[in-house]
Amino acid sequence: MARPRKRNKIRNPSLKISRKNANKHFKKFRVKGNALIADNWDNKATLRQNYQRLGLMTSLNGVSGGVEKLYPEEPPLVLDKEELKKTLGPDEGIIERDEQGNVINVIIGKGHEEEDTEIKPAPAKTDVVKALEEQASKVYKHEKYQSEGEKRFCEELISKYGDDYQSMFRDIKLNVYQHTEAQLKKKCEKYLKERNVS
């Protein structure tokens, strides 16, 4: 009796694994979103390298993933307590513990004055970032308006109940779609606002 692999060979003897079939899952990446980013995209660079070159962030939550390190890290220097205090910020501190994990000492940083702290220069905006900001400033904002039917619905509810949304909610004949109190309040307030504007 043939085993499953042998059976597959018997069914289709011409089936061979080739490099073409093996690499069919690796497709060229194409940027489908913004045309400005697509024009300035380098397919040979990684996503992080492209974003860094364009002046964009890969993650809004800070650093995501590792960064390739060309040189090994140097061992940390052992500093005196006074030198440690100088390196700490105004609301920073270091807790010293013994082998059992008990707190021995707490080193608190001195409050630095604003003149002493160096301000890191912000990276200049790239041409791509400037073009994206300009594009974002021209976006059309779509405003929602109430339909005539919804206006009539709100008008009937307000004329009958005023601002008693609990009673509006319980009225089955007028509140056919069974909107909640919060939904009715939102619709009625929007109707009153539009009526006052016009």
N, C-alpha and C. Protein backbone atom coordinates (compact mmCIF):
# COMPACT_ATOMS: atom_id res chain seq x y z
N MET A 1 0.84 -1.19 0.00
CA MET A 1 0.00 0.00 0.00
C MET A 1 0.88 1.24 0.00
N ALA A 2 0.55 2.22 -0.83
CA ALA A 2 1.37 3.43 -0.97
C ALA A 2 1.11 4.40 0.17
N ARG A 3 2.18 5.09 0.53
CA ARG A 3 2.05 6.13 1.56
C ARG A 3 1.51 7.41 0.92
N PRO A 4 1.04 8.39 1.75
CA PRO A 4 0.42 9.60 1.17
C PRO A 4 1.30 10.35 0.18
N ARG A 5 2.59 10.51 0.48
CA ARG A 5 3.46 11.23 -0.45
C ARG A 5 3.60 10.48 -1.77
N LYS A 6 3.76 9.18 -1.67
CA LYS A 6 3.88 8.35 -2.86
C LYS A 6 2.61 8.43 -3.68
N ARG A 7 1.47 8.44 -2.97
CA ARG A 7 0.18 8.51 -3.65
C ARG A 7 0.07 9.81 -4.45
N ASN A 8 0.56 10.94 -3.83
CA ASN A 8 0.53 12.22 -4.54
C ASN A 8 1.40 12.18 -5.79
N LYS A 9 2.53 11.52 -5.69
CA LYS A 9 3.41 11.39 -6.87
C LYS A 9 2.73 10.59 -7.96
N ILE A 10 2.04 9.55 -7.54
CA ILE A 10 1.36 8.70 -8.52
C ILE A 10 0.28 9.50 -9.23
N ARG A 11 -0.46 10.32 -8.47
CA ARG A 11 -1.53 11.13 -9.06
C ARG A 11 -0.99 12.13 -10.07
N ASN A 12 0.10 12.84 -9.73
CA ASN A 12 0.64 13.87 -10.62
C ASN A 12 2.16 13.74 -10.68
N PRO A 13 2.67 12.88 -11.55
CA PRO A 13 4.12 12.67 -11.61
C PRO A 13 4.89 13.86 -12.16
N SER A 14 4.22 14.76 -12.88
CA SER A 14 4.93 15.91 -13.47
C SER A 14 5.12 17.06 -12.49
N LEU A 15 4.51 16.94 -11.29
CA LEU A 15 4.61 18.02 -10.31
C LEU A 15 6.01 18.04 -9.71
N LYS A 16 6.70 19.14 -9.91
CA LYS A 16 8.05 19.28 -9.37
C LYS A 16 8.15 20.62 -8.65
N ILE A 17 8.92 20.64 -7.58
CA ILE A 17 9.14 21.89 -6.86
C ILE A 17 10.28 22.63 -7.55
N SER A 18 10.01 23.81 -7.99
CA SER A 18 11.04 24.61 -8.65
C SER A 18 11.25 25.89 -7.86
N ARG A 19 12.30 26.61 -8.22
CA ARG A 19 12.55 27.89 -7.54
C ARG A 19 11.42 28.87 -7.80
N LYS A 20 10.86 28.79 -8.97
CA LYS A 20 9.76 29.70 -9.32
C LYS A 20 8.59 29.49 -8.35
N ASN A 21 8.25 28.24 -8.08
CA ASN A 21 7.15 27.94 -7.16
C ASN A 21 7.52 28.28 -5.72
N ALA A 22 8.79 28.07 -5.35
CA ALA A 22 9.22 28.32 -3.98
C ALA A 22 9.19 29.81 -3.64
N ASN A 23 9.47 30.66 -4.62
CA ASN A 23 9.53 32.10 -4.37
C ASN A 23 8.23 32.83 -4.72
N LYS A 24 7.15 32.10 -4.95
CA LYS A 24 5.91 32.77 -5.36
C LYS A 24 5.30 33.60 -4.22
N HIS A 25 5.68 33.31 -2.96
CA HIS A 25 5.12 34.06 -1.84
C HIS A 25 5.83 35.39 -1.60
N PHE A 26 7.03 35.53 -2.15
CA PHE A 26 7.79 36.76 -1.94
C PHE A 26 7.46 37.74 -3.06
N LYS A 27 6.60 38.69 -2.75
CA LYS A 27 6.18 39.66 -3.76
C LYS A 27 6.86 40.99 -3.47
N LYS A 28 7.00 41.78 -4.51
CA LYS A 28 7.58 43.10 -4.35
C LYS A 28 6.58 43.99 -3.64
N PHE A 29 7.05 44.71 -2.65
CA PHE A 29 6.16 45.57 -1.86
C PHE A 29 5.91 46.87 -2.61
N ARG A 30 4.65 47.24 -2.69
CA ARG A 30 4.29 48.51 -3.34
C ARG A 30 3.46 49.33 -2.37
N VAL A 31 3.79 50.60 -2.28
CA VAL A 31 3.04 51.50 -1.41
C VAL A 31 1.73 51.85 -2.11
N LYS A 32 0.61 51.56 -1.45
CA LYS A 32 -0.69 51.80 -2.06
C LYS A 32 -1.37 53.04 -1.52
N GLY A 33 -0.87 53.58 -0.43
CA GLY A 33 -1.55 54.70 0.22
C GLY A 33 -1.35 56.02 -0.48
N ASN A 34 -0.47 56.82 0.06
CA ASN A 34 -0.27 58.18 -0.41
C ASN A 34 0.68 58.21 -1.60
N ALA A 35 0.36 59.02 -2.60
CA ALA A 35 1.19 59.11 -3.81
C ALA A 35 2.55 59.74 -3.51
N LEU A 36 2.60 60.71 -2.58
CA LEU A 36 3.87 61.35 -2.23
C LEU A 36 4.86 60.34 -1.63
N ILE A 37 4.35 59.50 -0.75
CA ILE A 37 5.21 58.49 -0.13
C ILE A 37 5.62 57.45 -1.16
N ALA A 38 4.69 57.05 -2.03
CA ALA A 38 5.00 56.05 -3.06
C ALA A 38 6.08 56.55 -4.01
N ASP A 39 6.07 57.83 -4.36
CA ASP A 39 7.08 58.39 -5.27
C ASP A 39 8.46 58.42 -4.64
N ASN A 40 8.52 58.64 -3.33
CA ASN A 40 9.80 58.76 -2.63
C ASN A 40 10.24 57.46 -1.95
N TRP A 41 9.56 56.36 -2.19
CA TRP A 41 9.85 55.09 -1.54
C TRP A 41 11.03 54.40 -2.23
N ASP A 42 11.93 53.85 -1.42
CA ASP A 42 13.08 53.10 -1.93
C ASP A 42 12.83 51.62 -1.64
N ASN A 43 12.63 50.81 -2.70
CA ASN A 43 12.31 49.39 -2.51
C ASN A 43 13.47 48.59 -1.95
N LYS A 44 14.68 49.08 -2.08
CA LYS A 44 15.84 48.34 -1.58
C LYS A 44 16.05 48.55 -0.08
N ALA A 45 15.47 49.60 0.48
CA ALA A 45 15.61 49.90 1.91
C ALA A 45 14.46 49.27 2.68
N THR A 46 14.65 49.11 3.99
CA THR A 46 13.60 48.57 4.84
C THR A 46 12.56 49.64 5.14
N LEU A 47 11.47 49.22 5.76
CA LEU A 47 10.40 50.16 6.10
C LEU A 47 10.93 51.24 7.05
N ARG A 48 11.69 50.82 8.08
CA ARG A 48 12.22 51.78 9.06
C ARG A 48 13.18 52.76 8.38
N GLN A 49 14.04 52.26 7.49
CA GLN A 49 14.99 53.13 6.80
C GLN A 49 14.26 54.13 5.92
N ASN A 50 13.22 53.68 5.23
CA ASN A 50 12.44 54.58 4.38
C ASN A 50 11.77 55.66 5.21
N TYR A 51 11.13 55.26 6.32
CA TYR A 51 10.44 56.23 7.16
C TYR A 51 11.42 57.23 7.76
N GLN A 52 12.59 56.74 8.16
CA GLN A 52 13.60 57.63 8.75
C GLN A 52 14.08 58.64 7.70
N ARG A 53 14.28 58.18 6.47
CA ARG A 53 14.75 59.06 5.40
C ARG A 53 13.69 60.10 5.05
N LEU A 54 12.41 59.69 5.10
CA LEU A 54 11.32 60.60 4.77
C LEU A 54 10.97 61.53 5.93
N GLY A 55 11.48 61.24 7.12
CA GLY A 55 11.20 62.09 8.29
C GLY A 55 9.90 61.71 8.97
N LEU A 56 9.49 60.45 8.86
CA LEU A 56 8.25 59.98 9.47
C LEU A 56 8.57 58.99 10.60
N MET A 57 7.55 58.71 11.43
CA MET A 57 7.73 57.76 12.53
C MET A 57 7.15 56.42 12.14
N THR A 58 7.86 55.34 12.47
CA THR A 58 7.34 54.00 12.17
C THR A 58 6.27 53.60 13.17
N SER A 59 6.37 54.08 14.40
CA SER A 59 5.41 53.73 15.43
C SER A 59 5.09 54.96 16.25
N LEU A 60 3.79 55.20 16.50
CA LEU A 60 3.39 56.36 17.30
C LEU A 60 3.66 56.14 18.78
N ASN A 61 3.84 54.87 19.18
CA ASN A 61 4.07 54.55 20.59
C ASN A 61 5.55 54.55 20.95
N GLY A 62 6.40 55.07 20.10
CA GLY A 62 7.83 55.08 20.38
C GLY A 62 8.54 54.05 19.54
N VAL A 63 9.62 53.50 20.06
CA VAL A 63 10.44 52.55 19.31
C VAL A 63 9.74 51.20 19.27
N SER A 64 9.66 50.62 18.08
CA SER A 64 9.11 49.27 17.96
C SER A 64 10.14 48.42 17.23
N GLY A 65 10.47 47.29 17.79
CA GLY A 65 11.45 46.41 17.16
C GLY A 65 12.86 46.86 17.47
N GLY A 66 13.80 46.04 17.06
CA GLY A 66 15.20 46.33 17.35
C GLY A 66 15.85 47.16 16.26
N VAL A 67 16.96 47.76 16.60
CA VAL A 67 17.75 48.53 15.65
C VAL A 67 19.10 47.84 15.52
N GLU A 68 19.56 47.72 14.29
CA GLU A 68 20.83 47.03 14.05
C GLU A 68 21.97 47.83 14.66
N LYS A 69 22.79 47.16 15.48
CA LYS A 69 23.91 47.84 16.13
C LYS A 69 25.19 47.44 15.42
N LEU A 70 25.92 48.42 14.94
CA LEU A 70 27.15 48.15 14.21
C LEU A 70 28.31 47.84 15.15
N TYR A 71 28.30 48.46 16.33
CA TYR A 71 29.41 48.26 17.28
C TYR A 71 28.85 47.73 18.59
N PRO A 72 29.60 46.86 19.27
CA PRO A 72 29.10 46.34 20.55
C PRO A 72 29.03 47.46 21.60
N GLU A 73 28.09 47.28 22.51
CA GLU A 73 27.92 48.29 23.57
C GLU A 73 29.09 48.23 24.55
N GLU A 74 29.49 49.40 25.02
CA GLU A 74 30.56 49.46 26.02
C GLU A 74 29.98 49.13 27.38
N PRO A 75 30.76 48.52 28.26
CA PRO A 75 30.24 48.21 29.60
C PRO A 75 29.90 49.49 30.36
N PRO A 76 28.85 49.47 31.17
CA PRO A 76 28.45 50.68 31.90
C PRO A 76 29.54 51.13 32.88
N LEU A 77 29.74 52.43 32.95
CA LEU A 77 30.74 52.99 33.86
C LEU A 77 30.19 53.05 35.28
N VAL A 78 31.03 52.79 36.26
CA VAL A 78 30.64 52.91 37.65
C VAL A 78 30.96 54.32 38.10
N LEU A 79 29.94 55.06 38.50
CA LEU A 79 30.10 56.46 38.87
C LEU A 79 29.93 56.64 40.38
N ASP A 80 30.49 57.73 40.88
CA ASP A 80 30.29 58.08 42.28
C ASP A 80 28.86 58.57 42.46
N LYS A 81 28.41 58.63 43.71
CA LYS A 81 27.05 59.07 43.99
C LYS A 81 26.84 60.52 43.59
N GLU A 82 27.86 61.35 43.77
CA GLU A 82 27.75 62.77 43.40
C GLU A 82 27.62 62.91 41.88
N GLU A 83 28.39 62.10 41.13
CA GLU A 83 28.31 62.15 39.67
C GLU A 83 26.96 61.64 39.18
N LEU A 84 26.43 60.62 39.87
CA LEU A 84 25.11 60.10 39.52
C LEU A 84 24.04 61.16 39.71
N LYS A 85 24.13 61.93 40.81
CA LYS A 85 23.15 62.98 41.07
C LYS A 85 23.13 64.02 39.96
N LYS A 86 24.32 64.30 39.40
CA LYS A 86 24.42 65.29 38.32
C LYS A 86 23.74 64.79 37.04
N THR A 87 23.81 63.48 36.80
CA THR A 87 23.23 62.93 35.57
C THR A 87 21.72 62.76 35.65
N LEU A 88 21.18 62.68 36.87
CA LEU A 88 19.74 62.47 37.03
C LEU A 88 18.96 63.77 36.80
N GLY A 89 17.74 63.61 36.29
CA GLY A 89 16.86 64.75 36.07
C GLY A 89 16.19 65.18 37.36
N PRO A 90 15.34 66.22 37.31
CA PRO A 90 14.70 66.73 38.53
C PRO A 90 13.75 65.74 39.20
N ASP A 91 13.05 64.90 38.44
CA ASP A 91 12.10 63.95 39.02
C ASP A 91 12.59 62.51 38.88
N GLU A 92 13.89 62.30 38.80
CA GLU A 92 14.45 60.97 38.63
C GLU A 92 15.22 60.54 39.87
N GLY A 93 15.37 59.23 40.03
CA GLY A 93 16.12 58.71 41.16
C GLY A 93 16.57 57.29 40.92
N ILE A 94 17.52 56.83 41.71
CA ILE A 94 18.02 55.45 41.62
C ILE A 94 17.88 54.81 42.98
N ILE A 95 17.35 53.58 43.00
CA ILE A 95 17.17 52.85 44.24
C ILE A 95 18.28 51.82 44.36
N GLU A 96 18.99 51.84 45.47
CA GLU A 96 20.04 50.84 45.74
C GLU A 96 19.43 49.74 46.60
N ARG A 97 19.69 48.47 46.25
CA ARG A 97 19.16 47.33 46.99
C ARG A 97 20.29 46.37 47.35
N ASP A 98 20.06 45.61 48.41
CA ASP A 98 21.04 44.58 48.78
C ASP A 98 20.67 43.27 48.07
N GLU A 99 21.39 42.17 48.40
CA GLU A 99 21.16 40.90 47.72
C GLU A 99 19.77 40.33 47.94
N GLN A 100 19.15 40.62 49.08
CA GLN A 100 17.80 40.12 49.36
C GLN A 100 16.71 40.96 48.70
N GLY A 101 17.07 42.10 48.16
CA GLY A 101 16.10 42.98 47.51
C GLY A 101 15.59 44.09 48.40
N ASN A 102 16.16 44.24 49.59
CA ASN A 102 15.75 45.32 50.50
C ASN A 102 16.37 46.63 50.04
N VAL A 103 15.62 47.72 50.20
CA VAL A 103 16.10 49.04 49.80
C VAL A 103 17.13 49.53 50.81
N ILE A 104 18.32 49.85 50.31
CA ILE A 104 19.38 50.37 51.18
C ILE A 104 19.42 51.89 51.12
N ASN A 105 19.39 52.42 49.90
CA ASN A 105 19.57 53.86 49.73
C ASN A 105 18.80 54.31 48.49
N VAL A 106 18.38 55.57 48.51
CA VAL A 106 17.72 56.17 47.35
C VAL A 106 18.49 57.42 46.96
N ILE A 107 18.97 57.44 45.73
CA ILE A 107 19.70 58.61 45.23
C ILE A 107 18.73 59.42 44.38
N ILE A 108 18.49 60.66 44.79
CA ILE A 108 17.54 61.53 44.09
C ILE A 108 18.32 62.62 43.38
N GLY A 109 17.93 62.88 42.12
CA GLY A 109 18.60 63.91 41.32
C GLY A 109 18.25 65.29 41.80
N LYS A 110 19.19 66.21 41.64
CA LYS A 110 18.95 67.59 42.03
C LYS A 110 18.12 68.27 40.95
N GLY A 111 17.31 69.24 41.35
CA GLY A 111 16.49 69.97 40.39
C GLY A 111 17.35 70.86 39.51
N HIS A 112 17.38 70.57 38.23
CA HIS A 112 18.17 71.37 37.30
C HIS A 112 17.40 72.63 36.91
N GLU A 113 18.13 73.70 36.74
CA GLU A 113 17.50 74.93 36.26
C GLU A 113 17.37 74.84 34.75
N GLU A 114 16.48 75.64 34.20
CA GLU A 114 16.23 75.59 32.77
C GLU A 114 17.45 75.99 31.95
N GLU A 115 18.31 76.85 32.49
CA GLU A 115 19.49 77.30 31.75
C GLU A 115 20.50 76.18 31.59
N ASP A 116 20.57 75.27 32.59
CA ASP A 116 21.55 74.20 32.55
C ASP A 116 21.19 73.10 31.55
N THR A 117 19.90 72.84 31.38
CA THR A 117 19.50 71.74 30.51
C THR A 117 19.69 72.11 29.04
N GLU A 118 20.25 71.16 28.31
CA GLU A 118 20.44 71.38 26.88
C GLU A 118 19.19 70.96 26.14
N ILE A 119 18.77 71.76 25.21
CA ILE A 119 17.61 71.43 24.41
C ILE A 119 18.09 70.74 23.14
N LYS A 120 17.59 69.53 22.94
CA LYS A 120 17.99 68.78 21.76
C LYS A 120 17.37 69.43 20.53
N PRO A 121 18.17 69.65 19.49
CA PRO A 121 17.59 70.26 18.29
C PRO A 121 16.65 69.28 17.60
N ALA A 122 15.48 69.77 17.23
CA ALA A 122 14.50 68.94 16.54
C ALA A 122 14.96 68.74 15.10
N PRO A 123 14.77 67.55 14.55
CA PRO A 123 15.20 67.34 13.16
C PRO A 123 14.37 68.20 12.22
N ALA A 124 15.05 68.74 11.21
CA ALA A 124 14.37 69.60 10.25
C ALA A 124 13.36 68.78 9.44
N LYS A 125 12.27 69.41 9.09
CA LYS A 125 11.25 68.72 8.30
C LYS A 125 11.76 68.48 6.89
N THR A 126 11.54 67.28 6.40
CA THR A 126 11.94 66.95 5.04
C THR A 126 10.91 67.50 4.08
N ASP A 127 11.26 67.49 2.80
CA ASP A 127 10.34 67.99 1.76
C ASP A 127 9.07 67.15 1.72
N VAL A 128 9.22 65.85 1.97
CA VAL A 128 8.06 64.96 1.95
C VAL A 128 7.10 65.31 3.08
N VAL A 129 7.64 65.58 4.27
CA VAL A 129 6.79 65.93 5.42
C VAL A 129 6.07 67.25 5.15
N LYS A 130 6.79 68.22 4.59
CA LYS A 130 6.15 69.51 4.27
C LYS A 130 5.03 69.33 3.26
N ALA A 131 5.28 68.49 2.23
CA ALA A 131 4.25 68.24 1.21
C ALA A 131 3.05 67.52 1.82
N LEU A 132 3.29 66.58 2.74
CA LEU A 132 2.19 65.87 3.40
C LEU A 132 1.37 66.81 4.28
N GLU A 133 2.04 67.72 4.99
CA GLU A 133 1.32 68.69 5.82
C GLU A 133 0.47 69.61 4.96
N GLU A 134 1.02 70.03 3.83
CA GLU A 134 0.26 70.89 2.91
C GLU A 134 -0.96 70.15 2.37
N GLN A 135 -0.77 68.87 2.05
CA GLN A 135 -1.87 68.05 1.54
C GLN A 135 -2.95 67.87 2.61
N ALA A 136 -2.52 67.69 3.85
CA ALA A 136 -3.48 67.49 4.94
C ALA A 136 -4.27 68.77 5.24
N SER A 137 -3.66 69.93 5.01
CA SER A 137 -4.36 71.18 5.30
C SER A 137 -5.46 71.47 4.28
N LYS A 138 -5.40 70.83 3.13
CA LYS A 138 -6.39 71.08 2.07
C LYS A 138 -7.53 70.07 2.06
N VAL A 139 -7.60 69.21 3.06
CA VAL A 139 -8.63 68.17 3.10
C VAL A 139 -9.99 68.81 3.33
N TYR A 140 -10.98 68.36 2.57
CA TYR A 140 -12.35 68.86 2.69
C TYR A 140 -13.04 68.17 3.86
N LYS A 141 -13.58 68.94 4.77
CA LYS A 141 -14.28 68.37 5.91
C LYS A 141 -15.76 68.26 5.58
N HIS A 142 -16.26 67.04 5.62
CA HIS A 142 -17.66 66.79 5.31
C HIS A 142 -18.51 66.98 6.56
N GLU A 143 -19.49 67.86 6.49
CA GLU A 143 -20.37 68.09 7.62
C GLU A 143 -21.68 67.33 7.42
N LYS A 144 -22.17 66.74 8.49
CA LYS A 144 -23.41 65.97 8.41
C LYS A 144 -24.59 66.89 8.71
N TYR A 145 -25.64 66.73 7.93
CA TYR A 145 -26.86 67.50 8.13
C TYR A 145 -28.01 66.54 8.39
N GLN A 146 -29.00 67.02 9.13
CA GLN A 146 -30.17 66.20 9.39
C GLN A 146 -31.08 66.18 8.18
N SER A 147 -31.69 65.04 7.93
CA SER A 147 -32.63 64.94 6.81
C SER A 147 -33.95 65.62 7.20
N GLU A 148 -34.78 65.85 6.20
CA GLU A 148 -36.07 66.51 6.46
C GLU A 148 -36.95 65.64 7.37
N GLY A 149 -36.92 64.33 7.15
CA GLY A 149 -37.70 63.41 7.97
C GLY A 149 -37.26 63.44 9.43
N GLU A 150 -35.95 63.50 9.66
CA GLU A 150 -35.44 63.54 11.03
C GLU A 150 -35.79 64.87 11.70
N LYS A 151 -35.78 65.94 10.91
CA LYS A 151 -36.16 67.26 11.47
C LYS A 151 -37.61 67.25 11.92
N ARG A 152 -38.50 66.67 11.07
CA ARG A 152 -39.92 66.59 11.41
C ARG A 152 -40.11 65.73 12.67
N PHE A 153 -39.38 64.62 12.75
CA PHE A 153 -39.44 63.70 13.88
C PHE A 153 -39.06 64.43 15.17
N CYS A 154 -37.95 65.19 15.14
CA CYS A 154 -37.49 65.95 16.31
C CYS A 154 -38.48 67.05 16.68
N GLU A 155 -39.03 67.70 15.65
CA GLU A 155 -39.98 68.78 15.89
C GLU A 155 -41.22 68.26 16.61
N GLU A 156 -41.73 67.09 16.18
CA GLU A 156 -42.91 66.50 16.83
C GLU A 156 -42.61 66.13 18.29
N LEU A 157 -41.44 65.54 18.51
CA LEU A 157 -41.08 65.15 19.87
C LEU A 157 -40.94 66.36 20.78
N ILE A 158 -40.28 67.40 20.29
CA ILE A 158 -40.06 68.61 21.10
C ILE A 158 -41.37 69.32 21.38
N SER A 159 -42.26 69.38 20.36
CA SER A 159 -43.54 70.07 20.57
C SER A 159 -44.41 69.32 21.59
N LYS A 160 -44.27 67.99 21.64
CA LYS A 160 -45.09 67.20 22.55
C LYS A 160 -44.49 67.11 23.96
N TYR A 161 -43.14 66.92 24.05
CA TYR A 161 -42.51 66.66 25.36
C TYR A 161 -41.53 67.72 25.83
N GLY A 162 -41.16 68.65 24.99
CA GLY A 162 -40.17 69.66 25.40
C GLY A 162 -38.79 69.02 25.52
N ASP A 163 -38.21 69.07 26.72
CA ASP A 163 -36.89 68.47 26.91
C ASP A 163 -36.96 67.25 27.84
N ASP A 164 -38.13 66.61 27.91
CA ASP A 164 -38.30 65.39 28.71
C ASP A 164 -37.97 64.17 27.84
N TYR A 165 -36.68 63.78 27.82
CA TYR A 165 -36.22 62.71 26.94
C TYR A 165 -36.66 61.33 27.43
N GLN A 166 -36.92 61.20 28.71
CA GLN A 166 -37.42 59.93 29.26
C GLN A 166 -38.80 59.61 28.67
N SER A 167 -39.66 60.63 28.60
CA SER A 167 -41.00 60.43 28.03
C SER A 167 -40.93 60.20 26.52
N MET A 168 -40.02 60.90 25.85
CA MET A 168 -39.82 60.68 24.41
C MET A 168 -39.44 59.24 24.14
N PHE A 169 -38.54 58.72 24.98
CA PHE A 169 -38.05 57.35 24.83
C PHE A 169 -39.19 56.34 24.96
N ARG A 170 -40.14 56.62 25.87
CA ARG A 170 -41.24 55.68 26.13
C ARG A 170 -42.39 55.78 25.13
N ASP A 171 -42.46 56.85 24.37
CA ASP A 171 -43.54 57.03 23.39
C ASP A 171 -43.28 56.12 22.18
N ILE A 172 -44.05 55.04 22.10
CA ILE A 172 -43.83 54.05 21.05
C ILE A 172 -44.35 54.54 19.70
N LYS A 173 -45.39 55.37 19.72
CA LYS A 173 -45.97 55.83 18.45
C LYS A 173 -45.06 56.81 17.74
N LEU A 174 -44.49 57.77 18.48
CA LEU A 174 -43.59 58.74 17.84
C LEU A 174 -42.17 58.17 17.68
N ASN A 175 -41.69 57.48 18.70
CA ASN A 175 -40.34 56.92 18.66
C ASN A 175 -40.40 55.50 18.08
N VAL A 176 -40.68 55.43 16.78
CA VAL A 176 -40.90 54.15 16.11
C VAL A 176 -39.62 53.31 16.10
N TYR A 177 -38.48 53.96 15.88
CA TYR A 177 -37.21 53.23 15.77
C TYR A 177 -36.58 52.94 17.14
N GLN A 178 -37.29 53.26 18.20
CA GLN A 178 -36.88 52.98 19.58
C GLN A 178 -35.48 53.51 19.89
N HIS A 179 -35.28 54.79 19.59
CA HIS A 179 -34.01 55.44 19.94
C HIS A 179 -33.92 55.55 21.46
N THR A 180 -32.71 55.48 21.97
CA THR A 180 -32.50 55.61 23.42
C THR A 180 -32.61 57.08 23.82
N GLU A 181 -32.62 57.32 25.13
CA GLU A 181 -32.71 58.71 25.63
C GLU A 181 -31.53 59.54 25.11
N ALA A 182 -30.34 58.95 25.17
CA ALA A 182 -29.14 59.68 24.74
C ALA A 182 -29.20 60.00 23.25
N GLN A 183 -29.67 59.04 22.43
CA GLN A 183 -29.78 59.29 21.00
C GLN A 183 -30.80 60.38 20.71
N LEU A 184 -31.94 60.33 21.41
CA LEU A 184 -32.98 61.34 21.21
C LEU A 184 -32.47 62.72 21.62
N LYS A 185 -31.74 62.78 22.74
CA LYS A 185 -31.19 64.05 23.21
C LYS A 185 -30.24 64.63 22.19
N LYS A 186 -29.37 63.78 21.65
CA LYS A 186 -28.39 64.22 20.66
C LYS A 186 -29.08 64.74 19.40
N LYS A 187 -30.10 64.01 18.92
CA LYS A 187 -30.82 64.42 17.71
C LYS A 187 -31.57 65.74 17.93
N CYS A 188 -32.24 65.84 19.09
CA CYS A 188 -33.02 67.05 19.37
C CYS A 188 -32.11 68.27 19.55
N GLU A 189 -31.00 68.09 20.24
CA GLU A 189 -30.07 69.21 20.43
C GLU A 189 -29.48 69.66 19.09
N LYS A 190 -29.19 68.72 18.21
CA LYS A 190 -28.67 69.04 16.89
C LYS A 190 -29.72 69.81 16.08
N TYR A 191 -30.99 69.35 16.19
CA TYR A 191 -32.09 70.03 15.47
C TYR A 191 -32.25 71.46 15.97
N LEU A 192 -32.24 71.65 17.31
CA LEU A 192 -32.39 72.98 17.87
C LEU A 192 -31.23 73.90 17.49
N LYS A 193 -30.03 73.33 17.46
CA LYS A 193 -28.84 74.11 17.09
C LYS A 193 -28.94 74.58 15.64
N GLU A 194 -29.35 73.66 14.73
CA GLU A 194 -29.48 74.02 13.32
C GLU A 194 -30.60 75.04 13.12
N ARG A 195 -31.70 74.90 13.89
CA ARG A 195 -32.82 75.83 13.77
C ARG A 195 -32.43 77.23 14.24
N ASN A 196 -31.61 77.30 15.30
CA ASN A 196 -31.18 78.60 15.82
C ASN A 196 -30.19 79.29 14.88
N VAL A 197 -29.36 78.48 14.19
CA VAL A 197 -28.37 79.05 13.27
C VAL A 197 -29.05 79.66 12.06
N SER A 198 -30.06 78.92 11.51
CA SER A 198 -30.71 79.41 10.28
C SER A 198 -31.79 80.43 10.53
